[in-house]
Amino acid sequence: MRAKLIATLTTVLLASGVVQASPARFADDHSDNLIQKALTPIKIDKGVSAQGSDLAFKGKLVFAGSYQGLGIFKTLARKPFIKQLSFLTCAGGQGDVSVLGNYAFASVDSPLVGPTCSLEDTKGASNDQVAAGEAWEGIRIYDISDPYRPRYLESVYTDCGSHTHTLLPGATTSYIYIESYPLSGQSANNCSYVSHRKVQIIEFPTADPTKAKLLEQTIDTTPAIGCHDITTFPDRNLMAGACISQSMIWDIKDPKAPVLLSTITNPDISIHHSTAMTWDGKILVLGDEFGGAEGGGCAGDEDSTVGAAWFYDVTDPANPVLKGHHSLPRVPQPSSGDGADRIRCTNHNFNVIPVRSDKYLLAVCYYMGGIAVVDFTDPTDPTEVAHYVTMPGGVPQDTWSSYWYNGRIYTNDFQSQLGVGVYAFKGTTNQDQTRFFRGEMNPQVQFEGNLRP
């Protein structure tokens, strides 16, 4: 691909992982039907940007999780298409975010001195504090009723922290499922390869999450060491979890005591990372984060099993049937010649676009492999129909999340720290072809009640 240098800026890495300014921009690699409308940093302060992670949505608001806190953006109909309203500085990896009503929930998966957003509490806990059980990690709860002034409210401690989390919203009582696992085999605070093996459950009154409490009940994930991502489908009483070494499907009629319906093992999946279901409940999508965040996964062949999305027929959730898989069909190439040794691409975060027709479309990202739309209407023969790779400094952007929401695809980046992206995919912006969300849209919560008829 021929690169064209259009700007040159310097990059300064800060000790906290925050970057100042932006790297040079080169011509991007994309299909004609996927257009980048905006790409804006998550600004912590003037000239200082955050390290992005997951996304959540509510009305015209976009909530960008990060390792340094929470950014809140507003979508716009015209250029610049999105603008930042605020940033709540509250450090702690990795900032996985969900929204319910006037509240946001953020995951913390790093041992800290304390739970609040103060400079003292957000310091990393010492090894002695961790060993003594004095460190904190878990779920933070924010008030987002004024998106210009979000504020910290409360927290809930959880063993092994919260790598990610998933909501199960209810009319009066709601739940948060905690996905975590021993990142380094640590043994303190019931966080080891032997002792953990569970999903923890937080219960709270829907109207007042500050009264949230950690239940004694847990979900046994043995032999898996825990789960990475879970998708709840409240209308169908189903929950699907990607649990590192296998995936599981539960009946959640009783949210405090899910019943295991089936387990999916697949020797071709390196790490069971993410899940999503089609809106008719027929197909389960499993994402393989090949080799983990630092792994490769650049197969360059959509028929490869490396870092693939896997499609299972779950019409009978007790008996999932493998139908097919799809891998990134290209290997991203740096334009500047710099950073070739750092290229990595593997399936990461995604959601299923709620189209009115019988089509199945997946909005997906691949770290430095960019973002794509995959048509898996025939799950035995899925194919990519659009893609976009942003090329800051001639090196592909490190995209963490990619989700379709109300006519656009939104992204959040990671190490490149270019921020929140807005993309138009031709063919899914027509209301006759897609259904639109109202209220909240948390990608890991497939709530049909939030879809307009």
Protein backbone atom coordinates (compact mmCIF):
# COMPACT_ATOMS: atom_id res chain seq x y z
CA MET A 1 0.00 0.00 0.00
CA ARG A 2 1.35 3.41 -1.00
CA ALA A 3 1.64 5.71 2.02
CA LYS A 4 1.39 9.48 1.99
CA LEU A 5 2.75 11.53 4.84
CA ILE A 6 0.24 14.24 5.79
CA ALA A 7 1.41 15.40 9.21
CA THR A 8 4.33 15.03 11.56
CA LEU A 9 4.00 15.32 15.32
CA THR A 10 6.16 14.00 18.13
CA THR A 11 5.16 11.34 20.64
CA VAL A 12 6.10 11.44 24.30
CA LEU A 13 5.36 8.44 26.49
CA LEU A 14 4.58 9.21 30.09
CA ALA A 15 5.30 6.88 32.99
CA SER A 16 1.57 6.28 33.51
CA GLY A 17 1.13 5.01 29.94
CA VAL A 18 -0.44 8.33 28.87
CA VAL A 19 0.74 9.86 25.61
CA GLN A 20 1.16 13.50 24.71
CA ALA A 21 0.52 14.73 21.16
CA SER A 22 0.00 12.38 18.20
CA PRO A 23 2.26 10.45 15.83
CA ALA A 24 2.55 11.17 12.12
CA ARG A 25 -0.43 10.23 9.92
CA PHE A 26 -0.15 8.16 6.76
CA ALA A 27 -2.80 7.15 4.25
CA ASP A 28 -5.20 4.62 5.76
CA ASP A 29 -6.03 1.20 4.31
CA HIS A 30 -9.79 0.75 3.89
CA SER A 31 -12.56 -0.52 1.66
CA ASP A 32 -14.75 2.04 -0.14
CA ASN A 33 -17.82 1.15 1.94
CA LEU A 34 -16.30 1.88 5.38
CA ILE A 35 -15.52 5.56 5.95
CA GLN A 36 -13.83 7.15 8.95
CA LYS A 37 -15.89 10.18 10.01
CA ALA A 38 -13.92 11.12 13.14
CA LEU A 39 -11.03 10.06 15.33
CA THR A 40 -10.57 12.04 18.54
CA PRO A 41 -8.30 11.42 21.55
CA ILE A 42 -9.73 10.81 25.01
CA LYS A 43 -8.38 13.97 26.57
CA ILE A 44 -7.33 13.87 30.21
CA ASP A 45 -5.83 17.34 30.11
CA LYS A 46 -4.47 19.69 27.48
CA GLY A 47 -2.19 17.66 25.21
CA VAL A 48 -2.52 14.50 27.31
CA SER A 49 -4.59 11.50 26.14
CA ALA A 50 -5.84 8.35 27.81
CA GLN A 51 -5.21 4.70 26.97
CA GLY A 52 -8.61 3.46 25.76
CA SER A 53 -10.39 0.16 26.41
CA ASP A 54 -14.10 -0.67 26.17
CA LEU A 55 -17.20 1.36 25.22
CA ALA A 56 -20.81 1.74 26.36
CA PHE A 57 -23.65 3.89 24.98
CA LYS A 58 -26.74 5.78 26.14
CA GLY A 59 -28.83 7.95 23.84
CA LYS A 60 -26.40 10.36 22.19
CA LEU A 61 -23.67 9.65 24.74
CA VAL A 62 -20.62 7.44 24.27
CA PHE A 63 -18.74 6.27 27.38
CA ALA A 64 -15.09 5.49 26.72
CA GLY A 65 -13.37 3.34 29.31
CA SER A 66 -9.65 3.79 29.80
CA TYR A 67 -6.78 2.84 32.06
CA GLN A 68 -6.77 6.39 33.42
CA GLY A 69 -10.51 6.87 34.02
CA LEU A 70 -13.75 7.51 32.11
CA GLY A 71 -14.29 9.75 29.08
CA ILE A 72 -17.80 10.86 28.13
CA PHE A 73 -18.56 11.95 24.56
CA LYS A 74 -21.62 13.21 22.68
CA THR A 75 -22.45 12.09 19.15
CA LEU A 76 -23.17 14.77 16.55
CA ALA A 77 -25.05 14.55 13.25
CA ARG A 78 -22.45 16.64 11.41
CA LYS A 79 -18.72 17.21 11.51
CA PRO A 80 -16.88 16.78 13.90
CA PHE A 81 -19.46 13.95 14.53
CA ILE A 82 -18.35 13.48 18.15
CA LYS A 83 -17.09 15.73 20.95
CA GLN A 84 -15.80 15.07 24.45
CA LEU A 85 -17.89 16.42 27.32
CA SER A 86 -15.76 15.37 30.28
CA PHE A 87 -13.14 13.06 31.72
CA LEU A 88 -13.21 11.59 35.22
CA THR A 89 -9.65 10.83 36.26
CA CYS A 90 -9.75 7.55 38.15
CA ALA A 91 -6.83 5.31 37.23
CA GLY A 92 -6.85 1.52 37.41
CA GLY A 93 -6.63 -1.06 34.61
CA GLN A 94 -8.44 -1.82 32.53
CA GLY A 95 -11.50 0.40 32.74
CA ASP A 96 -14.12 -1.92 31.23
CA VAL A 97 -17.34 0.16 31.35
CA SER A 98 -21.11 -0.39 31.46
CA VAL A 99 -24.02 2.03 31.86
CA LEU A 100 -27.43 1.69 33.51
CA GLY A 101 -29.67 4.72 34.01
CA ASN A 102 -27.72 7.52 35.67
CA TYR A 103 -24.86 5.23 36.69
CA ALA A 104 -21.70 3.84 35.13
CA PHE A 105 -19.69 0.86 36.34
CA ALA A 106 -15.96 0.44 35.76
CA SER A 107 -13.71 -2.59 36.20
CA VAL A 108 -10.42 -2.36 38.08
CA ASP A 109 -8.04 -5.27 37.60
CA SER A 110 -4.91 -3.99 39.26
CA PRO A 111 -4.19 -3.99 43.02
CA LEU A 112 -4.48 -0.40 44.27
CA VAL A 113 -4.08 1.30 47.62
CA GLY A 114 -7.82 2.05 47.78
CA PRO A 115 -11.10 2.24 45.83
CA THR A 116 -11.67 5.98 45.38
CA CYS A 117 -10.42 8.28 42.62
CA SER A 118 -8.01 10.13 44.89
CA LEU A 119 -4.35 10.32 43.93
CA GLU A 120 -3.47 8.26 47.01
CA ASP A 121 -5.97 5.47 46.36
CA THR A 122 -5.09 5.10 42.67
CA LYS A 123 -1.47 4.31 43.47
CA GLY A 124 -0.43 0.72 42.84
CA ALA A 125 -0.39 -1.39 45.99
CA SER A 126 2.95 -2.75 47.15
CA ASN A 127 3.74 -6.46 47.13
CA ASP A 128 3.50 -6.42 50.92
CA GLN A 129 0.02 -4.86 50.78
CA VAL A 130 -1.10 -7.46 48.25
CA ALA A 131 0.30 -10.32 50.35
CA ALA A 132 -1.38 -8.93 53.49
CA GLY A 133 -4.75 -8.61 51.76
CA GLU A 134 -4.72 -4.82 52.09
CA ALA A 135 -4.93 -3.97 48.39
CA TRP A 136 -8.17 -3.07 46.59
CA GLU A 137 -9.55 -3.98 43.16
CA GLY A 138 -13.05 -4.63 41.86
CA ILE A 139 -15.93 -2.45 40.59
CA ARG A 140 -16.26 1.33 40.84
CA ILE A 141 -19.64 3.04 40.56
CA TYR A 142 -19.98 6.53 39.06
CA ASP A 143 -22.82 9.09 38.93
CA ILE A 144 -23.23 10.16 35.28
CA SER A 145 -26.53 12.09 35.68
CA ASP A 146 -24.58 15.19 34.63
CA PRO A 147 -22.32 13.97 31.80
CA TYR A 148 -20.26 17.15 32.10
CA ARG A 149 -19.46 16.38 35.73
CA PRO A 150 -19.31 12.62 36.41
CA ARG A 151 -18.33 11.67 39.93
CA TYR A 152 -17.23 8.65 41.92
CA LEU A 153 -19.87 7.22 44.28
CA GLU A 154 -19.03 3.79 45.65
CA SER A 155 -17.13 0.57 45.04
CA VAL A 156 -17.32 -3.18 45.56
CA TYR A 157 -14.21 -5.29 46.24
CA THR A 158 -13.89 -8.58 44.35
CA ASP A 159 -11.27 -11.35 44.50
CA CYS A 160 -8.86 -11.14 41.56
CA GLY A 161 -10.35 -7.75 40.74
CA SER A 162 -12.58 -7.29 37.71
CA HIS A 163 -10.87 -7.78 34.36
CA THR A 164 -14.25 -7.17 32.72
CA HIS A 165 -17.85 -7.26 33.88
CA THR A 166 -21.34 -7.79 32.45
CA LEU A 167 -24.69 -6.35 33.53
CA LEU A 168 -27.96 -8.21 33.89
CA PRO A 169 -30.46 -5.35 34.17
CA GLY A 170 -33.77 -5.83 35.97
CA ALA A 171 -36.82 -3.71 36.76
CA THR A 172 -36.12 -3.62 40.49
CA THR A 173 -32.96 -5.68 41.02
CA SER A 174 -29.94 -5.88 38.75
CA TYR A 175 -26.76 -7.93 38.75
CA ILE A 176 -23.14 -7.59 37.66
CA TYR A 177 -21.20 -10.71 36.72
CA ILE A 178 -17.48 -10.32 37.41
CA GLU A 179 -15.10 -11.79 34.85
CA SER A 180 -11.62 -12.18 36.27
CA TYR A 181 -8.82 -14.71 36.53
CA PRO A 182 -5.32 -14.86 38.06
CA LEU A 183 -3.27 -12.75 35.68
CA SER A 184 0.02 -14.00 37.08
CA GLY A 185 -1.01 -16.89 39.28
CA GLN A 186 -0.92 -14.71 42.41
CA SER A 187 -2.03 -16.56 45.52
CA ALA A 188 -3.15 -13.74 47.81
CA ASN A 189 -6.83 -13.02 48.53
CA ASN A 190 -8.23 -16.18 46.97
CA CYS A 191 -6.70 -15.30 43.61
CA SER A 192 -4.79 -18.29 42.32
CA TYR A 193 -5.07 -20.82 39.54
CA VAL A 194 -6.33 -23.32 42.11
CA SER A 195 -8.67 -21.24 44.24
CA HIS A 196 -10.33 -18.84 41.80
CA ARG A 197 -12.16 -20.68 38.97
CA LYS A 198 -15.37 -18.68 39.41
CA VAL A 199 -17.58 -15.81 38.30
CA GLN A 200 -18.56 -13.55 41.19
CA ILE A 201 -21.98 -11.89 41.38
CA ILE A 202 -22.85 -8.38 42.56
CA GLU A 203 -26.48 -7.56 43.34
CA PHE A 204 -27.94 -4.06 43.61
CA PRO A 205 -31.28 -2.19 43.58
CA THR A 206 -31.64 -0.92 40.03
CA ALA A 207 -32.61 2.52 41.31
CA ASP A 208 -29.65 2.77 43.71
CA PRO A 209 -26.42 0.93 42.78
CA THR A 210 -24.65 2.49 45.77
CA LYS A 211 -26.28 -0.30 47.77
CA ALA A 212 -24.52 -2.93 45.69
CA LYS A 213 -23.22 -5.98 47.53
CA LEU A 214 -21.11 -8.99 46.61
CA LEU A 215 -23.08 -12.21 46.98
CA GLU A 216 -21.72 -15.33 48.59
CA GLN A 217 -22.98 -17.33 45.62
CA THR A 218 -20.54 -17.74 42.74
CA ILE A 219 -20.62 -19.53 39.39
CA ASP A 220 -18.20 -22.43 39.18
CA THR A 221 -16.11 -22.31 35.99
CA THR A 222 -13.98 -25.41 36.68
CA PRO A 223 -11.80 -26.46 34.93
CA ALA A 224 -11.40 -22.93 33.52
CA ILE A 225 -9.53 -20.46 35.75
CA GLY A 226 -12.30 -17.87 35.29
CA CYS A 227 -13.97 -16.03 32.41
CA HIS A 228 -12.76 -13.20 30.23
CA ASP A 229 -16.05 -11.95 28.78
CA ILE A 230 -19.70 -12.82 29.26
CA THR A 231 -22.78 -11.86 27.24
CA THR A 232 -26.21 -11.81 28.88
CA PHE A 233 -29.40 -12.13 26.83
CA PRO A 234 -32.11 -11.28 29.41
CA ASP A 235 -35.11 -11.75 27.11
CA ARG A 236 -34.03 -15.34 26.42
CA ASN A 237 -32.73 -16.11 29.92
CA LEU A 238 -29.37 -17.01 28.40
CA MET A 239 -25.79 -16.15 29.25
CA ALA A 240 -22.68 -17.14 27.31
CA GLY A 241 -19.16 -16.86 28.68
CA ALA A 242 -15.75 -17.02 27.05
CA CYS A 243 -13.70 -18.61 29.81
CA ILE A 244 -10.12 -18.72 28.53
CA SER A 245 -9.85 -22.50 27.94
CA GLN A 246 -13.49 -23.13 27.06
CA SER A 247 -16.85 -21.40 26.65
CA MET A 248 -20.01 -21.99 28.65
CA ILE A 249 -23.74 -21.36 28.19
CA TRP A 250 -26.02 -20.89 31.19
CA ASP A 251 -29.74 -20.57 31.88
CA ILE A 252 -30.19 -17.43 34.02
CA LYS A 253 -33.84 -17.65 35.04
CA ASP A 254 -32.42 -17.41 38.55
CA PRO A 255 -29.71 -14.73 38.15
CA LYS A 256 -28.10 -15.71 41.45
CA ALA A 257 -27.83 -19.37 40.50
CA PRO A 258 -27.27 -19.80 36.74
CA VAL A 259 -27.63 -23.38 35.49
CA LEU A 260 -24.94 -24.68 33.14
CA LEU A 261 -26.51 -25.87 29.88
CA SER A 262 -23.43 -26.70 27.83
CA THR A 263 -19.68 -26.35 27.53
CA ILE A 264 -17.80 -25.64 24.31
CA THR A 265 -14.26 -26.95 23.92
CA ASN A 266 -12.32 -26.39 20.74
CA PRO A 267 -8.63 -27.32 20.33
CA ASP A 268 -8.26 -24.70 17.59
CA ILE A 269 -9.14 -21.83 19.93
CA SER A 270 -6.12 -20.41 21.77
CA ILE A 271 -7.98 -18.13 24.22
CA HIS A 272 -11.77 -17.97 24.52
CA HIS A 273 -11.99 -14.17 24.77
CA SER A 274 -15.37 -12.69 23.77
CA THR A 275 -18.95 -13.71 23.00
CA ALA A 276 -22.00 -12.33 21.22
CA MET A 277 -25.27 -13.78 19.92
CA THR A 278 -27.41 -13.04 16.91
CA TRP A 279 -30.54 -11.12 17.82
CA ASP A 280 -32.73 -14.12 17.00
CA GLY A 281 -30.72 -16.19 19.48
CA LYS A 282 -29.71 -18.79 16.91
CA ILE A 283 -25.95 -18.23 16.48
CA LEU A 284 -23.28 -17.76 19.13
CA VAL A 285 -20.07 -15.98 18.10
CA LEU A 286 -16.86 -16.82 19.99
CA GLY A 287 -13.75 -14.69 19.58
CA ASP A 288 -10.25 -16.15 19.91
CA GLU A 289 -7.60 -13.74 21.24
CA PHE A 290 -4.81 -15.81 19.78
CA GLY A 291 -1.75 -15.69 22.02
CA GLY A 292 -3.29 -13.05 24.30
CA ALA A 293 -2.88 -9.30 24.02
CA GLU A 294 0.79 -9.63 23.11
CA GLY A 295 0.23 -12.47 20.66
CA GLY A 296 0.30 -12.39 16.89
CA GLY A 297 -2.67 -13.88 15.10
CA CYS A 298 -1.87 -12.33 11.70
CA ALA A 299 -2.80 -15.28 9.52
CA GLY A 300 -3.75 -13.32 6.40
CA ASP A 301 -6.25 -16.01 5.43
CA GLU A 302 -9.96 -15.88 6.28
CA ASP A 303 -10.07 -19.69 6.34
CA SER A 304 -7.33 -19.86 8.97
CA THR A 305 -8.15 -20.91 12.52
CA VAL A 306 -5.67 -18.38 13.95
CA GLY A 307 -7.34 -15.60 15.98
CA ALA A 308 -10.67 -16.44 14.40
CA ALA A 309 -14.32 -15.76 15.14
CA TRP A 310 -16.17 -19.06 15.59
CA PHE A 311 -19.85 -19.54 14.83
CA TYR A 312 -22.02 -22.05 16.72
CA ASP A 313 -25.66 -22.91 16.17
CA VAL A 314 -27.27 -22.57 19.62
CA THR A 315 -30.89 -23.02 18.58
CA ASP A 316 -30.71 -25.69 21.27
CA PRO A 317 -28.34 -24.01 23.78
CA ALA A 318 -27.78 -27.32 25.51
CA ASN A 319 -26.28 -28.72 22.31
CA PRO A 320 -24.21 -26.10 20.42
CA VAL A 321 -23.13 -27.13 16.94
CA LEU A 322 -20.04 -25.70 15.24
CA LYS A 323 -20.88 -24.20 11.84
CA GLY A 324 -17.77 -22.29 10.73
CA HIS A 325 -15.09 -19.71 11.48
CA HIS A 326 -13.48 -16.60 10.01
CA SER A 327 -10.02 -15.10 10.45
CA LEU A 328 -8.52 -11.75 9.42
CA PRO A 329 -7.85 -12.09 5.67
CA ARG A 330 -4.77 -9.85 5.51
CA VAL A 331 -1.56 -9.05 7.37
CA PRO A 332 -1.26 -5.32 8.10
CA GLN A 333 1.87 -3.76 6.66
CA PRO A 334 3.56 -0.68 8.18
CA SER A 335 3.98 2.09 5.60
CA SER A 336 6.97 3.73 7.24
CA GLY A 337 9.07 0.62 7.72
CA ASP A 338 9.03 1.33 11.46
CA GLY A 339 7.26 -0.99 13.87
CA ALA A 340 7.01 -4.11 11.73
CA ASP A 341 8.23 -6.16 14.66
CA ARG A 342 5.37 -4.84 16.80
CA ILE A 343 2.51 -5.76 14.47
CA ARG A 344 -0.12 -7.95 16.13
CA CYS A 345 -3.63 -8.76 15.02
CA THR A 346 -6.13 -11.09 16.61
CA ASN A 347 -9.88 -11.16 17.18
CA HIS A 348 -10.91 -8.85 20.04
CA ASN A 349 -14.17 -7.02 20.89
CA PHE A 350 -17.26 -7.07 18.64
CA ASN A 351 -21.06 -7.00 18.44
CA VAL A 352 -23.76 -8.21 16.08
CA ILE A 353 -25.47 -5.48 14.05
CA PRO A 354 -29.27 -5.70 14.59
CA VAL A 355 -30.46 -5.73 10.96
CA ARG A 356 -34.13 -6.07 10.01
CA SER A 357 -33.39 -8.55 7.25
CA ASP A 358 -32.20 -12.13 7.69
CA LYS A 359 -28.56 -11.06 7.37
CA TYR A 360 -26.03 -11.65 10.14
CA LEU A 361 -23.36 -8.93 10.30
CA LEU A 362 -20.53 -8.67 12.81
CA ALA A 363 -18.71 -5.41 13.66
CA VAL A 364 -15.29 -6.56 14.86
CA CYS A 365 -11.77 -5.31 15.57
CA TYR A 366 -8.39 -7.02 15.42
CA TYR A 367 -6.00 -4.80 17.38
CA MET A 368 -3.53 -3.66 14.68
CA GLY A 369 -5.51 -5.54 12.05
CA GLY A 370 -8.04 -2.70 12.14
CA ILE A 371 -11.82 -3.05 12.14
CA ALA A 372 -14.12 -4.96 9.82
CA VAL A 373 -17.66 -6.01 9.06
CA VAL A 374 -18.08 -9.75 8.55
CA ASP A 375 -21.17 -11.22 6.88
CA PHE A 376 -21.96 -14.58 8.49
CA THR A 377 -25.50 -14.99 7.17
CA ASP A 378 -24.21 -18.39 6.12
CA PRO A 379 -22.16 -19.26 9.23
CA THR A 380 -20.49 -22.08 7.31
CA ASP A 381 -19.03 -19.56 4.86
CA PRO A 382 -18.51 -16.14 6.54
CA THR A 383 -16.76 -13.40 4.59
CA GLU A 384 -15.45 -9.90 5.24
CA VAL A 385 -17.45 -7.20 3.45
CA ALA A 386 -15.71 -4.05 4.75
CA HIS A 387 -12.55 -3.03 6.59
CA TYR A 388 -10.63 -0.01 7.86
CA VAL A 389 -7.06 0.19 9.18
CA THR A 390 -5.93 3.54 10.60
CA MET A 391 -2.20 4.16 10.03
CA PRO A 392 -0.76 6.65 12.54
CA GLY A 393 2.95 7.12 11.84
CA GLY A 394 2.65 4.48 9.12
CA VAL A 395 1.94 1.78 11.74
CA PRO A 396 -1.59 0.34 12.16
CA GLN A 397 -3.62 1.69 15.09
CA ASP A 398 -4.08 -0.61 18.08
CA THR A 399 -7.90 -0.87 18.15
CA TRP A 400 -9.38 -2.39 21.32
CA SER A 401 -13.14 -2.27 20.69
CA SER A 402 -15.43 -1.96 17.68
CA TYR A 403 -19.22 -1.78 18.07
CA TRP A 404 -22.14 -0.80 15.86
CA TYR A 405 -24.49 1.69 17.50
CA ASN A 406 -27.38 3.53 15.85
CA GLY A 407 -26.07 3.78 12.32
CA ARG A 408 -22.35 4.08 13.00
CA ILE A 409 -19.45 1.93 14.14
CA TYR A 410 -17.55 3.30 17.16
CA THR A 411 -14.06 2.28 18.18
CA ASN A 412 -11.72 2.81 21.11
CA ASP A 413 -7.97 2.44 20.72
CA PHE A 414 -5.35 1.14 23.11
CA GLN A 415 -1.59 1.74 22.84
CA SER A 416 -1.71 4.18 19.94
CA GLN A 417 -4.08 6.32 22.06
CA LEU A 418 -5.77 8.05 19.13
CA GLY A 419 -9.06 7.77 21.01
CA VAL A 420 -12.64 7.23 19.90
CA GLY A 421 -13.35 6.63 16.22
CA VAL A 422 -16.61 7.07 14.27
CA TYR A 423 -17.20 5.11 11.04
CA ALA A 424 -19.98 4.92 8.48
CA PHE A 425 -20.64 1.53 6.93
CA LYS A 426 -22.67 1.88 3.75
CA GLY A 427 -25.64 -0.45 3.87
CA THR A 428 -26.42 -0.38 7.60
CA THR A 429 -27.37 3.27 8.12
CA ASN A 430 -30.79 2.98 6.48
CA GLN A 431 -33.53 2.55 9.09
CA ASP A 432 -35.27 0.04 6.81
CA GLN A 433 -32.27 -2.24 7.15
CA THR A 434 -31.30 -1.80 10.80
CA ARG A 435 -32.94 -1.55 14.18
CA PHE A 436 -31.89 1.22 16.49
CA PHE A 437 -31.22 1.22 20.22
CA ARG A 438 -32.99 3.35 22.80
CA GLY A 439 -31.80 3.86 26.35
CA GLU A 440 -28.51 2.11 27.07
CA MET A 441 -26.52 -0.18 24.81
CA ASN A 442 -23.87 -2.18 26.61
CA PRO A 443 -22.37 -4.49 23.95
CA GLN A 444 -22.18 -7.41 26.40
CA VAL A 445 -25.90 -7.08 27.24
CA GLN A 446 -28.18 -8.08 24.38
CA PHE A 447 -31.41 -6.60 25.67
CA GLU A 448 -34.19 -6.71 23.06
CA GLY A 449 -36.20 -4.30 25.20
CA ASN A 450 -33.69 -1.59 24.21
CA LEU A 451 -34.30 -2.11 20.48
CA ARG A 452 -36.90 0.01 18.72
CA PRO A 453 -39.60 -2.06 17.00
